[in-house]
PDB file of N, CA and C in Angstrom:
ATOM      1  N   MET A   1     -13.894   9.751 -11.799  1.00  0.00           N
ATOM      2  CA  MET A   1     -13.350   9.249 -10.314  1.00  0.00           C
ATOM      3  C   MET A   1     -14.224   8.212  -9.608  1.00  0.00           C
ATOM      4  N   LYS A   2     -13.275   7.317  -9.390  1.00  0.00           N
ATOM      5  CA  LYS A   2     -15.028   5.920  -8.741  1.00  0.00           C
ATOM      6  C   LYS A   2     -14.618   6.133  -7.392  1.00  0.00           C
ATOM      7  N   GLN A   3     -15.570   6.244  -6.438  1.00  0.00           N
ATOM      8  CA  GLN A   3     -15.777   6.555  -5.055  1.00  0.00           C
ATOM      9  C   GLN A   3     -16.043   5.230  -4.377  1.00  0.00           C
ATOM     10  N   VAL A   4     -15.254   5.029  -3.296  1.00  0.00           N
ATOM     11  CA  VAL A   4     -14.939   3.770  -2.939  1.00  0.00           C
ATOM     12  C   VAL A   4     -16.152   3.202  -1.661  1.00  0.00           C
ATOM     13  N   SER A   5     -16.339   1.997  -1.859  1.00  0.00           N
ATOM     14  CA  SER A   5     -17.785   2.035  -0.748  1.00  0.00           C
ATOM     15  C   SER A   5     -17.404   2.099   0.605  1.00  0.00           C
ATOM     16  N   VAL A   6     -18.725   2.288   1.461  1.00  0.00           N
ATOM     17  CA  VAL A   6     -18.235   2.649   2.741  1.00  0.00           C
ATOM     18  C   VAL A   6     -17.058   1.556   3.165  1.00  0.00           C
ATOM     19  N   ARG A   7     -16.963   0.242   3.057  1.00  0.00           N
ATOM     20  CA  ARG A   7     -16.167  -0.507   3.761  1.00  0.00           C
ATOM     21  C   ARG A   7     -15.286  -0.648   3.091  1.00  0.00           C
ATOM     22  N   GLU A   8     -14.630  -0.264   1.890  1.00  0.00           N
ATOM     23  CA  GLU A   8     -13.714  -0.604   1.278  1.00  0.00           C
ATOM     24  C   GLU A   8     -12.593   0.785   1.273  1.00  0.00           C
ATOM     25  N   LYS A   9     -10.980   1.036   1.463  1.00  0.00           N
ATOM     26  CA  LYS A   9     -10.055   1.938   0.987  1.00  0.00           C
ATOM     27  C   LYS A   9      -9.321   1.813   0.503  1.00  0.00           C
ATOM     28  N   VAL A  10      -8.505   2.412   0.341  1.00  0.00           N
ATOM     29  CA  VAL A  10      -7.632   2.510  -0.805  1.00  0.00           C
ATOM     30  C   VAL A  10      -6.160   2.726  -0.024  1.00  0.00           C
ATOM     31  N   CYS A  11      -4.793   1.924  -0.116  1.00  0.00           N
ATOM     32  CA  CYS A  11      -3.460   2.004   0.943  1.00  0.00           C
ATOM     33  C   CYS A  11      -2.913   3.376  -0.450  1.00  0.00           C
ATOM     34  N   ARG A  12      -2.575   4.381   0.236  1.00  0.00           N
ATOM     35  CA  ARG A  12      -1.607   5.660  -0.405  1.00  0.00           C
ATOM     36  C   ARG A  12      -0.338   4.654  -0.988  1.00  0.00           C
ATOM     37  N   ASN A  13      -0.157   3.958   0.171  1.00  0.00           N
ATOM     38  CA  ASN A  13       1.209   3.612  -0.206  1.00  0.00           C
ATOM     39  C   ASN A  13       1.812   2.462  -1.638  1.00  0.00           C
ATOM     40  N   CYS A  14       0.902   1.301  -1.538  1.00  0.00           N
ATOM     41  CA  CYS A  14       1.065   0.815  -2.035  1.00  0.00           C
ATOM     42  C   CYS A  14       0.315   0.146  -3.533  1.00  0.00           C
ATOM     43  N   LYS A  15      -1.299   1.080  -3.310  1.00  0.00           N
ATOM     44  CA  LYS A  15      -2.496   1.409  -4.173  1.00  0.00           C
ATOM     45  C   LYS A  15      -3.628  -0.066  -4.013  1.00  0.00           C
ATOM     46  N   ARG A  16      -3.314  -0.718  -2.639  1.00  0.00           N
ATOM     47  CA  ARG A  16      -4.317  -2.252  -2.807  1.00  0.00           C
ATOM     48  C   ARG A  16      -5.567  -1.550  -2.457  1.00  0.00           C
ATOM     49  N   ILE A  17      -6.196  -2.070  -3.045  1.00  0.00           N
ATOM     50  CA  ILE A  17      -7.966  -1.973  -2.267  1.00  0.00           C
ATOM     51  C   ILE A  17      -7.928  -2.641  -0.930  1.00  0.00           C
ATOM     52  N   VAL A  18      -8.455  -2.378   0.090  1.00  0.00           N
ATOM     53  CA  VAL A  18      -8.693  -2.887   1.325  1.00  0.00           C
ATOM     54  C   VAL A  18      -9.732  -2.995   1.940  1.00  0.00           C
ATOM     55  N   SER A  19     -10.308  -3.559   2.462  1.00  0.00           N
ATOM     56  CA  SER A  19     -11.926  -3.688   3.363  1.00  0.00           C
ATOM     57  C   SER A  19     -11.966  -3.039   5.128  1.00  0.00           C
ATOM     58  N   GLY A  20     -10.511  -3.319   5.352  1.00  0.00           N
ATOM     59  CA  GLY A  20     -10.314  -2.670   6.732  1.00  0.00           C
ATOM     60  C   GLY A  20      -9.986  -1.355   6.681  1.00  0.00           C
ATOM     61  N   ASP A  21      -9.269  -1.249   7.895  1.00  0.00           N
ATOM     62  CA  ASP A  21      -8.589   0.153   8.417  1.00  0.00           C
ATOM     63  C   ASP A  21      -6.829   0.012   8.367  1.00  0.00           C
ATOM     64  N   THR A  22      -6.603  -1.410   7.932  1.00  0.00           N
ATOM     65  CA  THR A  22      -4.906  -1.234   7.767  1.00  0.00           C
ATOM     66  C   THR A  22      -4.811  -2.110   6.245  1.00  0.00           C
ATOM     67  N   CYS A  23      -3.515  -1.748   5.888  1.00  0.00           N
ATOM     68  CA  CYS A  23      -3.730  -2.567   4.634  1.00  0.00           C
ATOM     69  C   CYS A  23      -3.144  -4.142   4.704  1.00  0.00           C
ATOM     70  N   ASP A  24      -3.262  -5.099   4.226  1.00  0.00           N
ATOM     71  CA  ASP A  24      -2.805  -6.363   4.354  1.00  0.00           C
ATOM     72  C   ASP A  24      -1.315  -6.414   3.577  1.00  0.00           C
ATOM     73  N   VAL A  25      -1.105  -5.580   2.697  1.00  0.00           N
ATOM     74  CA  VAL A  25       0.223  -6.049   2.131  1.00  0.00           C
ATOM     75  C   VAL A  25       1.486  -5.378   2.585  1.00  0.00           C
ATOM     76  N   CYS A  26       1.273  -3.944   3.004  1.00  0.00           N
ATOM     77  CA  CYS A  26       1.989  -3.312   3.550  1.00  0.00           C
ATOM     78  C   CYS A  26       2.518  -2.504   5.339  1.00  0.00           C
ATOM     79  N   GLY A  27       1.007  -2.955   5.338  1.00  0.00           N
ATOM     80  CA  GLY A  27       0.717  -2.960   7.101  1.00  0.00           C
ATOM     81  C   GLY A  27       0.102  -1.287   7.354  1.00  0.00           C
ATOM     82  N   SER A  28      -0.016  -0.255   6.331  1.00  0.00           N
ATOM     83  CA  SER A  28      -0.193   1.096   6.386  1.00  0.00           C
ATOM     84  C   SER A  28      -1.484   1.473   6.823  1.00  0.00           C
ATOM     85  N   THR A  29      -1.902   2.103   7.449  1.00  0.00           N
ATOM     86  CA  THR A  29      -2.993   2.829   7.742  1.00  0.00           C
ATOM     87  C   THR A  29      -3.365   4.500   6.950  1.00  0.00           C
ATOM     88  N   ASN A  30      -2.596   4.423   6.400  1.00  0.00           N
ATOM     89  CA  ASN A  30      -2.800   5.589   5.549  1.00  0.00           C
ATOM     90  C   ASN A  30      -3.270   5.681   4.286  1.00  0.00           C
ATOM     91  N   LEU A  31      -4.683   5.389   4.674  1.00  0.00           N
ATOM     92  CA  LEU A  31      -5.845   4.998   3.211  1.00  0.00           C
ATOM     93  C   LEU A  31      -6.398   6.004   2.785  1.00  0.00           C
ATOM     94  N   ALA A  32      -7.245   5.803   1.744  1.00  0.00           N
ATOM     95  CA  ALA A  32      -7.919   6.790   0.935  1.00  0.00           C
ATOM     96  C   ALA A  32      -9.326   6.681   0.911  1.00  0.00           C
ATOM     97  N   SER A  33     -10.406   7.593   0.256  1.00  0.00           N
ATOM     98  CA  SER A  33     -11.394   7.113   0.125  1.00  0.00           C
ATOM     99  C   SER A  33     -11.987   7.178  -1.359  1.00  0.00           C
ATOM    100  N   THR A  34     -11.105   7.911  -2.098  1.00  0.00           N
ATOM    101  CA  THR A  34     -11.419   8.004  -3.581  1.00  0.00           C
ATOM    102  C   THR A  34     -10.022   7.195  -4.544  1.00  0.00           C
ATOM    103  N   TYR A  35      -9.858   6.928  -5.755  1.00  0.00           N
ATOM    104  CA  TYR A  35      -9.358   6.639  -6.824  1.00  0.00           C
ATOM    105  C   TYR A  35      -9.954   6.501  -7.617  1.00  0.00           C
ATOM    106  N   GLN A  36      -8.499   6.581  -9.060  1.00  0.00           N
ATOM    107  CA  GLN A  36      -9.247   6.140 -10.335  1.00  0.00           C
ATOM    108  C   GLN A  36      -8.215   5.129 -11.272  1.00  0.00           C
ATOM    109  N   GLY A  37      -9.091   4.298 -11.926  1.00  0.00           N
ATOM    110  CA  GLY A  37      -8.421   2.959 -12.073  1.00  0.00           C
ATOM    111  C   GLY A  37      -8.598   1.990 -11.582  1.00  0.00           C
ATOM    112  N   LEU A  38      -8.682   0.942 -12.153  1.00  0.00           N
ATOM    113  CA  LEU A  38      -8.880  -0.441 -11.221  1.00  0.00           C
ATOM    114  C   LEU A  38      -7.982  -1.488 -12.038  1.00  0.00           C
ATOM    115  N   LEU A  39      -7.012  -1.930 -11.263  1.00  0.00           N
ATOM    116  CA  LEU A  39      -6.155  -3.284 -11.833  1.00  0.00           C
ATOM    117  C   LEU A  39      -6.343  -4.570 -10.848  1.00  0.00           C
ATOM    118  N   ILE A  40      -6.621  -5.550 -11.412  1.00  0.00           N
ATOM    119  CA  ILE A  40      -7.097  -6.653 -11.156  1.00  0.00           C
ATOM    120  C   ILE A  40      -5.997  -8.011 -10.977  1.00  0.00           C
ATOM    121  N   LEU A  41      -5.181  -8.258 -10.550  1.00  0.00           N
ATOM    122  CA  LEU A  41      -4.169  -9.091 -10.674  1.00  0.00           C
ATOM    123  C   LEU A  41      -4.335 -10.393  -9.858  1.00  0.00           C
ATOM    124  N   ILE A  42      -4.533 -11.249 -11.106  1.00  0.00           N
ATOM    125  CA  ILE A  42      -4.858 -12.560 -10.550  1.00  0.00           C
ATOM    126  C   ILE A  42      -3.329 -13.481 -10.009  1.00  0.00           C
ATOM    127  N   LYS A  43      -2.193 -13.226 -11.366  1.00  0.00           N
ATOM    128  CA  LYS A  43      -1.222 -13.986 -11.319  1.00  0.00           C
ATOM    129  C   LYS A  43      -0.095 -12.939 -11.307  1.00  0.00           C
ATOM    130  N   PRO A  44       0.186 -12.439 -10.273  1.00  0.00           N
ATOM    131  CA  PRO A  44       1.502 -11.287 -10.421  1.00  0.00           C
ATOM    132  C   PRO A  44       2.748 -11.668 -10.611  1.00  0.00           C
ATOM    133  N   GLU A  45       2.728 -13.077 -10.658  1.00  0.00           N
ATOM    134  CA  GLU A  45       4.474 -13.420 -11.012  1.00  0.00           C
ATOM    135  C   GLU A  45       4.498 -13.574 -12.706  1.00  0.00           C
ATOM    136  N   LEU A  46       3.441 -13.340 -12.941  1.00  0.00           N
ATOM    137  CA  LEU A  46       3.557 -14.006 -14.335  1.00  0.00           C
ATOM    138  C   LEU A  46       3.198 -12.330 -15.395  1.00  0.00           C
ATOM    139  N   SER A  47       2.680 -11.339 -14.369  1.00  0.00           N
ATOM    140  CA  SER A  47       2.281 -10.209 -15.332  1.00  0.00           C
ATOM    141  C   SER A  47       3.478  -8.980 -15.577  1.00  0.00           C
ATOM    142  N   GLU A  48       3.779  -8.528 -16.306  1.00  0.00           N
ATOM    143  CA  GLU A  48       4.633  -7.572 -16.704  1.00  0.00           C
ATOM    144  C   GLU A  48       4.355  -6.206 -15.768  1.00  0.00           C
ATOM    145  N   ILE A  49       2.855  -5.939 -15.798  1.00  0.00           N
ATOM    146  CA  ILE A  49       2.456  -5.088 -14.905  1.00  0.00           C
ATOM    147  C   ILE A  49       2.684  -4.710 -13.733  1.00  0.00           C
ATOM    148  N   ALA A  50       2.393  -6.405 -13.105  1.00  0.00           N
ATOM    149  CA  ALA A  50       2.818  -6.398 -11.802  1.00  0.00           C
ATOM    150  C   ALA A  50       4.151  -6.215 -11.304  1.00  0.00           C
ATOM    151  N   THR A  51       5.189  -6.500 -12.206  1.00  0.00           N
ATOM    152  CA  THR A  51       6.871  -6.774 -12.155  1.00  0.00           C
ATOM    153  C   THR A  51       6.854  -5.191 -12.424  1.00  0.00           C
ATOM    154  N   LEU A  52       6.520  -4.093 -13.138  1.00  0.00           N
ATOM    155  CA  LEU A  52       6.977  -2.802 -13.077  1.00  0.00           C
ATOM    156  C   LEU A  52       6.559  -1.947 -12.355  1.00  0.00           C
ATOM    157  N   LEU A  53       5.141  -2.876 -11.433  1.00  0.00           N
ATOM    158  CA  LEU A  53       4.805  -1.665 -10.323  1.00  0.00           C
ATOM    159  C   LEU A  53       5.108  -2.473  -8.831  1.00  0.00           C
ATOM    160  N   ASN A  54       5.742  -3.553  -9.353  1.00  0.00           N
ATOM    161  CA  ASN A  54       6.530  -4.193  -8.054  1.00  0.00           C
ATOM    162  C   ASN A  54       5.817  -4.684  -7.117  1.00  0.00           C
ATOM    163  N   ILE A  55       4.190  -5.433  -7.668  1.00  0.00           N
ATOM    164  CA  ILE A  55       3.814  -5.814  -6.921  1.00  0.00           C
ATOM    165  C   ILE A  55       3.514  -7.224  -6.881  1.00  0.00           C
ATOM    166  N   LYS A  56       3.478  -7.792  -5.928  1.00  0.00           N
ATOM    167  CA  LYS A  56       3.850  -9.376  -5.542  1.00  0.00           C
ATOM    168  C   LYS A  56       2.584 -10.135  -5.015  1.00  0.00           C
ATOM    169  N   LYS A  57       1.736  -9.586  -4.713  1.00  0.00           N
ATOM    170  CA  LYS A  57       0.325 -10.449  -4.173  1.00  0.00           C
ATOM    171  C   LYS A  57      -0.660 -10.085  -5.012  1.00  0.00           C
ATOM    172  N   GLU A  58      -1.424 -11.010  -5.468  1.00  0.00           N
ATOM    173  CA  GLU A  58      -2.825 -11.101  -6.157  1.00  0.00           C
ATOM    174  C   GLU A  58      -3.878 -10.043  -5.521  1.00  0.00           C
ATOM    175  N   GLY A  59      -4.901  -9.451  -6.321  1.00  0.00           N
ATOM    176  CA  GLY A  59      -5.775  -8.751  -5.513  1.00  0.00           C
ATOM    177  C   GLY A  59      -6.292  -7.598  -6.986  1.00  0.00           C
ATOM    178  N   TYR A  60      -6.848  -6.790  -5.673  1.00  0.00           N
ATOM    179  CA  TYR A  60      -7.392  -5.150  -6.612  1.00  0.00           C
ATOM    180  C   TYR A  60      -6.710  -4.021  -6.252  1.00  0.00           C
ATOM    181  N   TYR A  61      -5.920  -3.192  -7.080  1.00  0.00           N
ATOM    182  CA  TYR A  61      -5.237  -2.496  -6.965  1.00  0.00           C
ATOM    183  C   TYR A  61      -5.687  -0.934  -7.828  1.00  0.00           C
ATOM    184  N   ALA A  62      -5.788   0.420  -7.198  1.00  0.00           N
ATOM    185  CA  ALA A  62      -5.714   1.535  -7.728  1.00  0.00           C
ATOM    186  C   ALA A  62      -4.690   2.120  -8.816  1.00  0.00           C
ATOM    187  N   VAL A  63      -5.012   2.663  -9.827  1.00  0.00           N
ATOM    188  CA  VAL A  63      -4.221   3.395 -10.709  1.00  0.00           C
ATOM    189  C   VAL A  63      -3.593   4.507 -10.111  1.00  0.00           C
ATOM    190  N   LYS A  64      -4.461   5.289  -9.694  1.00  0.00           N
ATOM    191  CA  LYS A  64      -3.955   6.389  -9.137  1.00  0.00           C
ATOM    192  C   LYS A  64      -4.932   6.803  -7.867  1.00  0.00           C
ATOM    193  N   VAL A  65      -4.295   7.247  -6.756  1.00  0.00           N
ATOM    194  CA  VAL A  65      -5.336   7.343  -5.616  1.00  0.00           C
ATOM    195  C   VAL A  65      -5.278   8.867  -5.224  1.00  0.00           C
ATOM    196  N   LYS A  66      -6.034   9.311  -4.752  1.00  0.00           N
ATOM    197  CA  LYS A  66      -6.597  11.008  -4.266  1.00  0.00           C
ATOM    198  C   LYS A  66      -5.841  11.160  -3.084  1.00  0.00           C
TER     199      LYS A  66
END
């Protein structure tokens, strides 16, 4: 299990790794500090994984959020 740095948190709703207190994708403030696995999306419109997970914005995402 990876521990996120003090500045980074993971959104429990969309699993986006964010650096503030609010998710920039879904606007949620329900954030966690630990996660498992890392998914880096560069071109989500071309990614089958992004399509399956309904991710439309590029960035860093957690596979599993604690």
